[in-house]
Amino acid sequence: MNWIDWLRRLFRKAPGRVTNVRIQVSPMKEIAAEWAVPTVREDGSAMPVTEIAHTEASLSADAGATFAVLAQVKPDTTQTVKRAPAPDGSYVLRLVVVGTNGKRGKPVDTPVKIDTPAPGVATAIKVTVT
């Protein structure tokens, strides 16, 4: 890379936001997210996927006050994040695109509610006493 390309890369604007975010909570209380990487920067200029370093997925259990990074997902892999079983409660999933120049796009925060229903009435119980 010559110095002109290096300067151009340095002064590029931050990446755009992820789009089409879909959240799913499995019966095992795992949170899975899927999204599409941006094709434009914040200023509206085109952004090829080769200029995206990764998408950072973070989770907050305190209404967005603090976030714990779950994964840094490469743009050429399946955009899915799974977390170990989480206790019931409200969470915020944050997705941020990071460019190869280190600039971070604006975050996309999505609320996630984990509420496991109480078990239903047991039926067809068979007891054998010996």
N, C-alpha and C. Protein backbone atom coordinates (compact mmCIF):
# COMPACT_ATOMS: atom_id res chain seq x y z
N MET A 1 0.86 -1.17 0.00
CA MET A 1 0.00 0.00 0.00
C MET A 1 0.90 1.24 0.00
N ASN A 2 0.64 2.15 -0.93
CA ASN A 2 1.44 3.38 -0.96
C ASN A 2 0.88 4.40 0.04
N TRP A 3 1.58 5.47 0.23
CA TRP A 3 1.19 6.43 1.26
C TRP A 3 -0.09 7.17 0.92
N ILE A 4 -0.40 7.34 -0.37
CA ILE A 4 -1.64 8.01 -0.75
C ILE A 4 -2.85 7.15 -0.36
N ASP A 5 -2.76 5.84 -0.65
CA ASP A 5 -3.84 4.93 -0.24
C ASP A 5 -3.97 4.89 1.28
N TRP A 6 -2.85 4.93 1.98
CA TRP A 6 -2.86 4.93 3.43
C TRP A 6 -3.58 6.17 3.97
N LEU A 7 -3.30 7.34 3.38
CA LEU A 7 -3.97 8.58 3.80
C LEU A 7 -5.46 8.54 3.50
N ARG A 8 -5.83 8.04 2.33
CA ARG A 8 -7.25 7.93 1.99
C ARG A 8 -7.98 7.05 3.00
N ARG A 9 -7.36 5.94 3.33
CA ARG A 9 -7.95 5.01 4.29
C ARG A 9 -8.10 5.66 5.66
N LEU A 10 -7.11 6.43 6.05
CA LEU A 10 -7.11 7.08 7.35
C LEU A 10 -8.25 8.09 7.49
N PHE A 11 -8.55 8.83 6.41
CA PHE A 11 -9.54 9.89 6.49
C PHE A 11 -10.94 9.48 6.05
N ARG A 12 -11.16 8.21 5.79
CA ARG A 12 -12.50 7.74 5.46
C ARG A 12 -13.41 7.89 6.66
N LYS A 13 -14.65 8.13 6.38
CA LYS A 13 -15.65 8.27 7.44
C LYS A 13 -15.94 6.93 8.08
N ALA A 14 -16.62 6.98 9.23
CA ALA A 14 -16.97 5.76 9.98
C ALA A 14 -17.98 4.94 9.18
N PRO A 15 -18.02 3.63 9.44
CA PRO A 15 -19.00 2.77 8.75
C PRO A 15 -20.42 3.12 9.13
N GLY A 16 -21.35 2.69 8.30
CA GLY A 16 -22.77 2.87 8.61
C GLY A 16 -23.22 1.85 9.64
N ARG A 17 -24.51 1.83 9.89
CA ARG A 17 -25.10 0.92 10.88
C ARG A 17 -25.51 -0.39 10.23
N VAL A 18 -25.59 -1.43 11.05
CA VAL A 18 -26.13 -2.70 10.57
C VAL A 18 -27.62 -2.51 10.29
N THR A 19 -28.18 -3.36 9.46
CA THR A 19 -29.60 -3.29 9.12
C THR A 19 -30.22 -4.67 9.27
N ASN A 20 -31.52 -4.71 9.17
CA ASN A 20 -32.28 -5.98 9.20
C ASN A 20 -31.92 -6.84 10.41
N VAL A 21 -31.88 -6.24 11.59
CA VAL A 21 -31.55 -6.99 12.80
C VAL A 21 -32.73 -7.87 13.19
N ARG A 22 -32.46 -9.15 13.39
CA ARG A 22 -33.47 -10.10 13.84
C ARG A 22 -32.94 -10.81 15.07
N ILE A 23 -33.75 -10.83 16.13
CA ILE A 23 -33.37 -11.45 17.39
C ILE A 23 -34.29 -12.65 17.63
N GLN A 24 -33.70 -13.70 18.15
CA GLN A 24 -34.49 -14.87 18.51
C GLN A 24 -33.94 -15.42 19.82
N VAL A 25 -34.85 -15.74 20.74
CA VAL A 25 -34.47 -16.34 22.02
C VAL A 25 -34.94 -17.78 21.98
N SER A 26 -34.01 -18.71 22.14
CA SER A 26 -34.37 -20.13 22.07
C SER A 26 -34.97 -20.59 23.40
N PRO A 27 -35.62 -21.76 23.40
CA PRO A 27 -36.15 -22.30 24.66
C PRO A 27 -35.06 -22.54 25.70
N MET A 28 -33.82 -22.68 25.26
CA MET A 28 -32.70 -22.87 26.19
C MET A 28 -32.15 -21.52 26.67
N LYS A 29 -32.88 -20.43 26.37
CA LYS A 29 -32.52 -19.07 26.78
C LYS A 29 -31.25 -18.57 26.11
N GLU A 30 -30.93 -19.07 24.93
CA GLU A 30 -29.81 -18.55 24.17
C GLU A 30 -30.33 -17.43 23.28
N ILE A 31 -29.54 -16.36 23.19
CA ILE A 31 -29.91 -15.22 22.37
C ILE A 31 -29.16 -15.34 21.04
N ALA A 32 -29.89 -15.34 19.95
CA ALA A 32 -29.28 -15.40 18.62
C ALA A 32 -29.68 -14.14 17.86
N ALA A 33 -28.71 -13.54 17.19
CA ALA A 33 -28.98 -12.33 16.41
C ALA A 33 -28.44 -12.51 15.01
N GLU A 34 -29.15 -11.94 14.07
CA GLU A 34 -28.73 -11.97 12.68
C GLU A 34 -28.92 -10.57 12.12
N TRP A 35 -28.01 -10.13 11.27
CA TRP A 35 -28.08 -8.78 10.73
C TRP A 35 -27.38 -8.73 9.39
N ALA A 36 -27.55 -7.61 8.70
CA ALA A 36 -26.87 -7.36 7.43
C ALA A 36 -25.84 -6.26 7.65
N VAL A 37 -24.65 -6.44 7.10
CA VAL A 37 -23.61 -5.42 7.24
C VAL A 37 -23.93 -4.24 6.32
N PRO A 38 -23.49 -3.04 6.69
CA PRO A 38 -23.83 -1.86 5.88
C PRO A 38 -23.05 -1.84 4.56
N THR A 39 -23.63 -1.17 3.58
CA THR A 39 -22.96 -0.99 2.29
C THR A 39 -22.55 0.46 2.09
N VAL A 40 -22.87 1.31 3.08
CA VAL A 40 -22.51 2.73 3.01
C VAL A 40 -21.91 3.18 4.34
N ARG A 41 -21.17 4.27 4.29
CA ARG A 41 -20.62 4.89 5.50
C ARG A 41 -21.65 5.86 6.07
N GLU A 42 -21.33 6.46 7.21
CA GLU A 42 -22.24 7.43 7.84
C GLU A 42 -22.53 8.62 6.94
N ASP A 43 -21.56 8.99 6.09
CA ASP A 43 -21.77 10.14 5.22
C ASP A 43 -22.51 9.78 3.93
N GLY A 44 -22.89 8.49 3.77
CA GLY A 44 -23.64 8.06 2.60
C GLY A 44 -22.78 7.54 1.46
N SER A 45 -21.46 7.65 1.58
CA SER A 45 -20.58 7.14 0.52
C SER A 45 -20.53 5.62 0.56
N ALA A 46 -20.24 5.02 -0.59
CA ALA A 46 -20.20 3.55 -0.70
C ALA A 46 -19.11 2.97 0.20
N MET A 47 -19.39 1.80 0.75
CA MET A 47 -18.42 1.13 1.61
C MET A 47 -18.38 -0.35 1.24
N PRO A 48 -17.30 -0.79 0.60
CA PRO A 48 -17.21 -2.22 0.28
C PRO A 48 -17.00 -3.05 1.54
N VAL A 49 -17.44 -4.30 1.49
CA VAL A 49 -17.31 -5.19 2.65
C VAL A 49 -15.84 -5.37 3.04
N THR A 50 -14.93 -5.22 2.10
CA THR A 50 -13.50 -5.38 2.40
C THR A 50 -12.99 -4.32 3.36
N GLU A 51 -13.74 -3.24 3.56
CA GLU A 51 -13.32 -2.19 4.48
C GLU A 51 -13.96 -2.33 5.86
N ILE A 52 -14.62 -3.47 6.11
CA ILE A 52 -15.20 -3.75 7.42
C ILE A 52 -14.30 -4.77 8.12
N ALA A 53 -13.79 -4.41 9.29
CA ALA A 53 -12.95 -5.33 10.06
C ALA A 53 -13.82 -6.38 10.74
N HIS A 54 -14.85 -5.95 11.44
CA HIS A 54 -15.76 -6.87 12.12
C HIS A 54 -16.98 -6.11 12.63
N THR A 55 -17.98 -6.88 13.07
CA THR A 55 -19.13 -6.32 13.76
C THR A 55 -19.03 -6.78 15.20
N GLU A 56 -19.07 -5.83 16.12
CA GLU A 56 -18.96 -6.15 17.54
C GLU A 56 -20.35 -6.31 18.13
N ALA A 57 -20.59 -7.45 18.75
CA ALA A 57 -21.88 -7.72 19.41
C ALA A 57 -21.65 -7.69 20.92
N SER A 58 -22.42 -6.86 21.62
CA SER A 58 -22.30 -6.71 23.07
C SER A 58 -23.68 -6.86 23.70
N LEU A 59 -23.69 -7.23 24.97
CA LEU A 59 -24.94 -7.42 25.69
C LEU A 59 -24.89 -6.66 27.01
N SER A 60 -26.00 -6.01 27.33
CA SER A 60 -26.12 -5.26 28.58
C SER A 60 -27.27 -5.83 29.39
N ALA A 61 -27.04 -6.04 30.68
CA ALA A 61 -28.08 -6.51 31.58
C ALA A 61 -28.61 -5.38 32.46
N ASP A 62 -28.03 -4.17 32.30
CA ASP A 62 -28.43 -3.04 33.15
C ASP A 62 -28.96 -1.86 32.33
N ALA A 63 -29.85 -2.17 31.39
CA ALA A 63 -30.54 -1.16 30.57
C ALA A 63 -29.58 -0.30 29.76
N GLY A 64 -28.45 -0.84 29.36
CA GLY A 64 -27.52 -0.13 28.49
C GLY A 64 -26.47 0.70 29.20
N ALA A 65 -26.36 0.60 30.52
CA ALA A 65 -25.33 1.36 31.24
C ALA A 65 -23.94 0.78 30.96
N THR A 66 -23.82 -0.54 30.95
CA THR A 66 -22.54 -1.19 30.65
C THR A 66 -22.81 -2.36 29.70
N PHE A 67 -21.84 -2.64 28.85
CA PHE A 67 -21.96 -3.72 27.88
C PHE A 67 -20.79 -4.68 28.00
N ALA A 68 -21.06 -5.95 27.83
CA ALA A 68 -20.02 -6.98 27.79
C ALA A 68 -19.95 -7.49 26.36
N VAL A 69 -18.76 -7.49 25.78
CA VAL A 69 -18.59 -7.94 24.40
C VAL A 69 -18.80 -9.45 24.33
N LEU A 70 -19.70 -9.88 23.44
CA LEU A 70 -19.96 -11.29 23.23
C LEU A 70 -19.08 -11.85 22.12
N ALA A 71 -18.94 -11.09 21.04
CA ALA A 71 -18.19 -11.59 19.89
C ALA A 71 -17.80 -10.45 18.97
N GLN A 72 -16.74 -10.70 18.19
CA GLN A 72 -16.36 -9.83 17.09
C GLN A 72 -16.49 -10.68 15.83
N VAL A 73 -17.56 -10.44 15.09
CA VAL A 73 -17.93 -11.29 13.96
C VAL A 73 -17.37 -10.71 12.66
N LYS A 74 -16.61 -11.52 11.94
CA LYS A 74 -16.05 -11.10 10.66
C LYS A 74 -17.18 -10.90 9.65
N PRO A 75 -17.04 -9.96 8.72
CA PRO A 75 -18.13 -9.69 7.78
C PRO A 75 -18.36 -10.81 6.77
N ASP A 76 -17.38 -11.70 6.57
CA ASP A 76 -17.56 -12.76 5.59
C ASP A 76 -18.08 -14.06 6.21
N THR A 77 -18.47 -14.03 7.48
CA THR A 77 -19.04 -15.21 8.14
C THR A 77 -20.53 -14.99 8.35
N THR A 78 -21.20 -16.02 8.79
CA THR A 78 -22.62 -15.90 9.09
C THR A 78 -22.79 -14.93 10.25
N GLN A 79 -23.68 -13.96 10.11
CA GLN A 79 -23.88 -12.95 11.15
C GLN A 79 -24.80 -13.48 12.23
N THR A 80 -24.28 -14.37 13.05
CA THR A 80 -25.07 -14.94 14.13
C THR A 80 -24.25 -14.95 15.41
N VAL A 81 -24.87 -14.57 16.50
CA VAL A 81 -24.20 -14.60 17.80
C VAL A 81 -25.06 -15.42 18.74
N LYS A 82 -24.44 -16.28 19.50
CA LYS A 82 -25.19 -17.04 20.50
C LYS A 82 -24.50 -16.84 21.84
N ARG A 83 -25.28 -16.84 22.87
CA ARG A 83 -24.76 -16.64 24.23
C ARG A 83 -25.18 -17.83 25.07
N ALA A 84 -24.38 -18.12 26.05
CA ALA A 84 -24.73 -19.18 27.00
C ALA A 84 -26.07 -18.84 27.64
N PRO A 85 -26.77 -19.82 28.17
CA PRO A 85 -28.08 -19.54 28.76
C PRO A 85 -28.07 -18.35 29.71
N ALA A 86 -29.02 -17.46 29.52
CA ALA A 86 -29.11 -16.24 30.31
C ALA A 86 -30.30 -16.33 31.26
N PRO A 87 -30.20 -15.74 32.43
CA PRO A 87 -31.36 -15.73 33.33
C PRO A 87 -32.46 -14.83 32.77
N ASP A 88 -33.66 -15.05 33.24
CA ASP A 88 -34.79 -14.22 32.81
C ASP A 88 -34.48 -12.75 33.12
N GLY A 89 -34.96 -11.88 32.26
CA GLY A 89 -34.78 -10.46 32.48
C GLY A 89 -34.77 -9.70 31.17
N SER A 90 -34.49 -8.41 31.27
CA SER A 90 -34.42 -7.54 30.10
C SER A 90 -32.97 -7.24 29.79
N TYR A 91 -32.63 -7.31 28.52
CA TYR A 91 -31.26 -7.07 28.05
C TYR A 91 -31.30 -6.08 26.90
N VAL A 92 -30.13 -5.56 26.55
CA VAL A 92 -29.97 -4.73 25.36
C VAL A 92 -28.82 -5.33 24.57
N LEU A 93 -29.09 -5.70 23.32
CA LEU A 93 -28.05 -6.20 22.43
C LEU A 93 -27.58 -5.04 21.58
N ARG A 94 -26.27 -4.80 21.56
CA ARG A 94 -25.69 -3.70 20.79
C ARG A 94 -24.81 -4.26 19.69
N LEU A 95 -25.02 -3.75 18.48
CA LEU A 95 -24.21 -4.13 17.33
C LEU A 95 -23.51 -2.89 16.79
N VAL A 96 -22.19 -2.96 16.63
CA VAL A 96 -21.40 -1.84 16.13
C VAL A 96 -20.46 -2.35 15.04
N VAL A 97 -20.47 -1.69 13.89
CA VAL A 97 -19.57 -2.05 12.80
C VAL A 97 -18.26 -1.29 12.99
N VAL A 98 -17.14 -2.03 12.87
CA VAL A 98 -15.81 -1.43 13.01
C VAL A 98 -15.10 -1.56 11.67
N GLY A 99 -14.62 -0.43 11.15
CA GLY A 99 -13.93 -0.42 9.87
C GLY A 99 -12.48 -0.86 10.01
N THR A 100 -11.85 -1.17 8.87
CA THR A 100 -10.45 -1.59 8.89
C THR A 100 -9.53 -0.44 9.31
N ASN A 101 -10.03 0.79 9.25
CA ASN A 101 -9.24 1.94 9.73
C ASN A 101 -9.44 2.19 11.22
N GLY A 102 -10.21 1.32 11.89
CA GLY A 102 -10.42 1.44 13.33
C GLY A 102 -11.61 2.29 13.73
N LYS A 103 -12.22 2.98 12.78
CA LYS A 103 -13.37 3.83 13.12
C LYS A 103 -14.60 2.97 13.35
N ARG A 104 -15.38 3.38 14.36
CA ARG A 104 -16.57 2.64 14.76
C ARG A 104 -17.82 3.37 14.28
N GLY A 105 -18.76 2.61 13.74
CA GLY A 105 -20.04 3.19 13.33
C GLY A 105 -20.92 3.45 14.55
N LYS A 106 -22.06 4.05 14.32
CA LYS A 106 -23.00 4.29 15.41
C LYS A 106 -23.64 2.96 15.81
N PRO A 107 -23.86 2.75 17.10
CA PRO A 107 -24.42 1.47 17.55
C PRO A 107 -25.90 1.33 17.22
N VAL A 108 -26.31 0.09 17.08
CA VAL A 108 -27.73 -0.25 16.96
C VAL A 108 -28.07 -1.05 18.20
N ASP A 109 -28.93 -0.49 19.05
CA ASP A 109 -29.34 -1.15 20.30
C ASP A 109 -30.73 -1.77 20.11
N THR A 110 -30.85 -3.04 20.47
CA THR A 110 -32.10 -3.76 20.34
C THR A 110 -32.46 -4.38 21.69
N PRO A 111 -33.64 -4.06 22.24
CA PRO A 111 -34.04 -4.67 23.51
C PRO A 111 -34.37 -6.15 23.32
N VAL A 112 -33.98 -6.95 24.31
CA VAL A 112 -34.25 -8.39 24.29
C VAL A 112 -34.86 -8.75 25.63
N LYS A 113 -35.98 -9.45 25.59
CA LYS A 113 -36.66 -9.88 26.81
C LYS A 113 -36.62 -11.39 26.88
N ILE A 114 -36.09 -11.91 27.99
CA ILE A 114 -36.10 -13.35 28.23
C ILE A 114 -37.06 -13.60 29.37
N ASP A 115 -38.12 -14.31 29.06
CA ASP A 115 -39.16 -14.58 30.05
C ASP A 115 -39.61 -16.02 29.85
N THR A 116 -39.05 -16.90 30.64
CA THR A 116 -39.40 -18.31 30.52
C THR A 116 -40.73 -18.56 31.20
N PRO A 117 -41.69 -19.12 30.47
CA PRO A 117 -42.99 -19.37 31.09
C PRO A 117 -42.89 -20.48 32.14
N ALA A 118 -43.77 -20.40 33.11
CA ALA A 118 -43.80 -21.45 34.14
C ALA A 118 -44.21 -22.76 33.50
N PRO A 119 -43.72 -23.87 34.03
CA PRO A 119 -44.09 -25.15 33.44
C PRO A 119 -45.60 -25.38 33.57
N GLY A 120 -46.12 -26.08 32.58
CA GLY A 120 -47.55 -26.37 32.58
C GLY A 120 -47.90 -27.48 33.57
N VAL A 121 -49.16 -27.82 33.58
CA VAL A 121 -49.65 -28.87 34.47
C VAL A 121 -49.13 -30.21 33.96
N ALA A 122 -48.61 -31.02 34.88
CA ALA A 122 -48.13 -32.34 34.50
C ALA A 122 -49.31 -33.26 34.23
N THR A 123 -49.23 -33.98 33.13
CA THR A 123 -50.30 -34.92 32.79
C THR A 123 -49.69 -36.28 32.50
N ALA A 124 -50.50 -37.29 32.57
CA ALA A 124 -50.10 -38.67 32.26
C ALA A 124 -48.91 -39.12 33.09
N ILE A 125 -48.98 -38.90 34.39
CA ILE A 125 -47.91 -39.33 35.28
C ILE A 125 -48.21 -40.76 35.72
N LYS A 126 -47.23 -41.60 35.62
CA LYS A 126 -47.40 -42.99 36.03
C LYS A 126 -46.44 -43.27 37.16
N VAL A 127 -46.95 -43.72 38.27
CA VAL A 127 -46.11 -44.04 39.44
C VAL A 127 -46.19 -45.52 39.69
N THR A 128 -45.05 -46.13 39.86
CA THR A 128 -45.00 -47.55 40.19
C THR A 128 -44.37 -47.70 41.56
N VAL A 129 -45.12 -48.33 42.47
CA VAL A 129 -44.60 -48.56 43.81
C VAL A 129 -44.22 -50.04 43.91
N THR A 130 -43.01 -50.30 44.31
CA THR A 130 -42.58 -51.71 44.44
C THR A 130 -42.31 -52.07 45.87
